[in-house]
N, C-alpha and C. Protein backbone atom coordinates (compact mmCIF):
# COMPACT_ATOMS: atom_id res chain seq x y z
N MET A 1 85.61 -0.09 10.26
CA MET A 1 86.23 -0.10 9.30
C MET A 1 86.14 -1.37 8.52
N SER A 2 86.42 -1.24 7.14
CA SER A 2 86.15 -2.79 6.49
C SER A 2 87.44 -3.63 6.16
N LEU A 3 86.91 -5.26 6.37
CA LEU A 3 87.93 -5.75 6.10
C LEU A 3 88.47 -6.18 4.62
N GLY A 4 87.40 -5.79 3.50
CA GLY A 4 87.96 -5.84 2.21
C GLY A 4 87.11 -7.15 1.57
N SER A 5 86.18 -8.13 2.75
CA SER A 5 85.74 -8.94 2.42
C SER A 5 84.33 -8.90 1.46
N ILE A 6 83.97 -9.53 0.51
CA ILE A 6 82.75 -9.85 -0.13
C ILE A 6 82.18 -10.89 0.25
N TYR A 7 80.97 -10.51 -0.11
CA TYR A 7 80.02 -11.48 0.53
C TYR A 7 79.28 -11.65 -0.25
N GLY A 8 77.86 -13.00 -0.21
CA GLY A 8 77.01 -12.61 -0.94
C GLY A 8 77.20 -13.04 -2.75
N ALA A 9 76.23 -12.84 -3.40
CA ALA A 9 76.61 -12.91 -4.80
C ALA A 9 77.44 -12.43 -5.86
N ASN A 10 78.37 -11.84 -4.96
CA ASN A 10 79.45 -11.33 -5.94
C ASN A 10 80.90 -11.83 -4.96
N ALA A 11 81.10 -12.84 -4.26
CA ALA A 11 81.93 -13.77 -4.10
C ALA A 11 82.42 -14.29 -4.93
N MET A 12 83.45 -14.39 -5.14
CA MET A 12 84.28 -15.39 -5.63
C MET A 12 83.59 -16.59 -5.90
N GLY A 13 83.64 -17.50 -5.36
CA GLY A 13 83.15 -18.89 -5.31
C GLY A 13 81.70 -19.35 -5.29
N HIS A 14 81.07 -18.14 -5.54
CA HIS A 14 79.73 -18.36 -5.96
C HIS A 14 79.17 -19.00 -6.90
N TYR A 15 78.18 -19.92 -7.14
CA TYR A 15 77.80 -20.74 -8.19
C TYR A 15 77.17 -19.46 -9.17
N GLY A 16 76.54 -18.59 -8.99
CA GLY A 16 75.93 -17.67 -9.90
C GLY A 16 76.99 -17.53 -11.39
N TRP A 17 78.15 -17.38 -10.84
CA TRP A 17 79.49 -17.30 -11.79
C TRP A 17 79.69 -18.54 -12.76
N ILE A 18 78.88 -19.67 -12.38
CA ILE A 18 79.68 -20.82 -13.50
C ILE A 18 78.03 -21.42 -13.43
N THR A 19 77.01 -21.18 -13.48
CA THR A 19 75.67 -21.88 -13.61
C THR A 19 75.03 -21.04 -14.58
N VAL A 20 74.25 -22.18 -15.56
CA VAL A 20 73.67 -21.49 -16.31
C VAL A 20 72.33 -22.60 -16.29
N ARG A 21 71.34 -21.72 -17.13
CA ARG A 21 70.01 -22.62 -17.36
C ARG A 21 70.07 -23.05 -18.77
N CYS A 22 69.59 -24.39 -18.98
CA CYS A 22 69.01 -24.75 -20.19
C CYS A 22 67.95 -23.95 -20.73
N ARG A 23 67.84 -23.63 -21.98
CA ARG A 23 66.61 -22.93 -22.55
C ARG A 23 65.35 -23.65 -22.93
N LEU A 24 65.41 -25.23 -22.97
CA LEU A 24 64.62 -25.44 -23.33
C LEU A 24 63.83 -26.65 -22.16
N CYS A 25 64.51 -27.06 -21.05
CA CYS A 25 63.93 -27.77 -20.38
C CYS A 25 64.27 -27.10 -18.80
N GLY A 26 64.99 -26.10 -19.07
CA GLY A 26 65.41 -25.51 -17.17
C GLY A 26 66.09 -25.95 -16.52
N LYS A 27 66.97 -27.09 -17.09
CA LYS A 27 67.90 -27.87 -15.70
C LYS A 27 68.93 -26.79 -15.79
N TRP A 28 69.54 -26.74 -14.45
CA TRP A 28 70.53 -26.02 -13.82
C TRP A 28 71.84 -26.76 -14.56
N LEU A 29 72.77 -25.83 -15.20
CA LEU A 29 74.08 -26.57 -15.91
C LEU A 29 75.02 -25.90 -15.07
N ASN A 30 76.32 -26.53 -14.47
CA ASN A 30 77.18 -26.31 -14.25
C ASN A 30 78.20 -26.04 -15.73
N ILE A 31 78.90 -25.08 -15.68
CA ILE A 31 79.69 -24.78 -16.79
C ILE A 31 80.95 -26.00 -16.79
N THR A 32 81.76 -25.71 -15.43
CA THR A 32 82.75 -26.32 -14.99
C THR A 32 82.60 -28.14 -14.92
N LYS A 33 81.33 -28.47 -15.23
CA LYS A 33 81.21 -29.76 -14.89
C LYS A 33 80.43 -30.64 -16.20
N ASP A 34 79.39 -29.91 -16.40
CA ASP A 34 78.66 -30.71 -17.65
C ASP A 34 78.65 -30.14 -18.60
N GLU A 35 78.48 -30.59 -20.01
CA GLU A 35 78.36 -30.55 -21.16
C GLU A 35 77.25 -29.61 -21.92
N VAL A 36 77.73 -28.42 -21.95
CA VAL A 36 76.67 -27.11 -22.05
C VAL A 36 76.94 -26.73 -23.31
N TYR A 37 76.04 -26.93 -24.55
CA TYR A 37 76.21 -26.06 -25.73
C TYR A 37 75.75 -24.56 -26.07
N ALA A 38 75.88 -23.81 -26.85
CA ALA A 38 75.32 -22.58 -26.84
C ALA A 38 75.84 -22.39 -28.07
N CYS A 39 74.78 -21.20 -28.53
CA CYS A 39 75.09 -20.89 -29.72
C CYS A 39 75.71 -19.72 -30.17
N PRO A 40 76.97 -19.40 -30.85
CA PRO A 40 77.82 -18.37 -30.86
C PRO A 40 77.58 -17.19 -31.18
N LYS A 41 76.53 -16.81 -32.06
CA LYS A 41 75.75 -15.96 -31.92
C LYS A 41 74.53 -15.38 -31.11
N ASP A 42 73.81 -16.31 -30.44
CA ASP A 42 72.76 -15.94 -29.65
C ASP A 42 72.80 -16.02 -27.95
N LYS A 43 74.26 -16.63 -27.82
CA LYS A 43 74.09 -16.74 -26.35
C LYS A 43 74.11 -15.28 -25.78
N ASP A 44 74.77 -14.21 -26.13
CA ASP A 44 74.56 -12.82 -25.66
C ASP A 44 72.98 -12.24 -25.37
N ARG A 45 72.61 -12.30 -26.90
CA ARG A 45 71.47 -11.83 -27.07
C ARG A 45 70.06 -12.82 -26.04
N TYR A 46 69.57 -14.12 -26.50
CA TYR A 46 69.14 -14.71 -25.52
C TYR A 46 69.40 -15.57 -24.78
N ARG A 47 70.32 -15.31 -24.13
CA ARG A 47 71.23 -16.65 -23.20
C ARG A 47 70.70 -18.02 -23.34
N ALA A 48 70.97 -18.07 -24.46
CA ALA A 48 70.79 -19.84 -25.30
C ALA A 48 71.65 -20.68 -25.12
N TYR A 49 71.48 -21.25 -24.05
CA TYR A 49 72.63 -22.35 -23.46
C TYR A 49 71.46 -24.04 -23.14
N TYR A 50 71.98 -24.89 -24.00
CA TYR A 50 71.32 -26.04 -23.92
C TYR A 50 72.11 -27.14 -23.58
N CYS A 51 71.29 -28.21 -22.49
CA CYS A 51 71.79 -29.48 -21.96
C CYS A 51 72.30 -30.22 -23.01
N ALA A 52 72.90 -31.40 -22.75
CA ALA A 52 73.25 -32.62 -23.92
C ALA A 52 71.89 -32.71 -24.55
N ALA A 53 71.11 -33.01 -23.98
CA ALA A 53 69.95 -33.85 -24.45
C ALA A 53 68.84 -32.97 -24.94
N CYS A 54 68.73 -31.47 -24.75
CA CYS A 54 67.95 -30.93 -25.76
C CYS A 54 68.76 -30.56 -26.74
N ALA A 55 69.95 -30.38 -26.86
CA ALA A 55 70.86 -30.53 -28.19
C ALA A 55 70.84 -31.32 -29.52
N ARG A 56 70.49 -32.63 -28.57
CA ARG A 56 70.66 -33.70 -29.40
C ARG A 56 69.13 -33.62 -30.05
N THR A 57 68.32 -33.05 -29.13
CA THR A 57 67.06 -33.24 -29.75
C THR A 57 66.60 -32.42 -31.04
N LEU A 58 67.52 -30.94 -30.80
CA LEU A 58 67.75 -29.81 -31.97
C LEU A 58 68.53 -30.59 -33.05
N HIS A 59 69.21 -31.35 -33.06
CA HIS A 59 70.07 -31.85 -33.86
C HIS A 59 70.89 -30.62 -34.22
N TYR A 60 71.81 -30.60 -32.96
CA TYR A 60 72.83 -29.32 -32.59
C TYR A 60 72.62 -28.64 -33.62
N LYS A 61 71.37 -27.81 -33.68
CA LYS A 61 71.36 -26.30 -34.31
C LYS A 61 70.94 -25.56 -33.65
N CYS A 62 70.94 -24.13 -33.87
CA CYS A 62 69.95 -23.18 -33.06
C CYS A 62 68.35 -23.28 -32.87
N PRO A 63 67.59 -23.24 -32.63
CA PRO A 63 66.22 -22.85 -33.29
C PRO A 63 66.20 -21.43 -33.09
N TYR A 64 66.89 -20.49 -32.87
CA TYR A 64 66.43 -19.18 -33.40
C TYR A 64 67.22 -18.93 -34.91
N CYS A 65 68.51 -19.12 -35.12
CA CYS A 65 68.92 -18.49 -35.96
C CYS A 65 69.72 -19.94 -36.94
N GLU A 66 69.50 -21.26 -36.93
CA GLU A 66 69.88 -22.29 -37.40
C GLU A 66 71.36 -22.37 -37.77
N SER A 67 72.16 -22.04 -36.68
CA SER A 67 73.57 -21.84 -36.88
C SER A 67 73.88 -23.36 -36.02
N GLU A 68 74.78 -23.87 -36.27
CA GLU A 68 76.05 -25.08 -35.43
C GLU A 68 75.96 -24.59 -33.85
N LEU A 69 75.57 -25.49 -32.84
CA LEU A 69 75.71 -25.39 -31.24
C LEU A 69 77.55 -25.52 -31.68
N GLU A 70 78.00 -25.06 -30.27
CA GLU A 70 79.25 -25.11 -29.74
C GLU A 70 79.24 -25.86 -28.90
N VAL A 71 80.23 -26.31 -28.14
CA VAL A 71 80.11 -27.00 -26.73
C VAL A 71 81.23 -25.62 -25.91
N LEU A 72 80.82 -25.52 -24.49
CA LEU A 72 81.53 -24.38 -24.32
C LEU A 72 82.71 -25.23 -23.51
């Protein structure tokens, strides 16, 4: 008999729901704590998320489409 509990990666408190990886340096970013930049056009297509240091290096422009990066 099932108790209705969800375990593993599907659980509500799992970090997979709130973490993304920086596209340039590979640093793991927590969306709730860290300053995360994303391209509004490419975040779904390329998973284009950037940390604050990499966004500053890119002059706050997306390397794929040259649009402005937005803070999540």
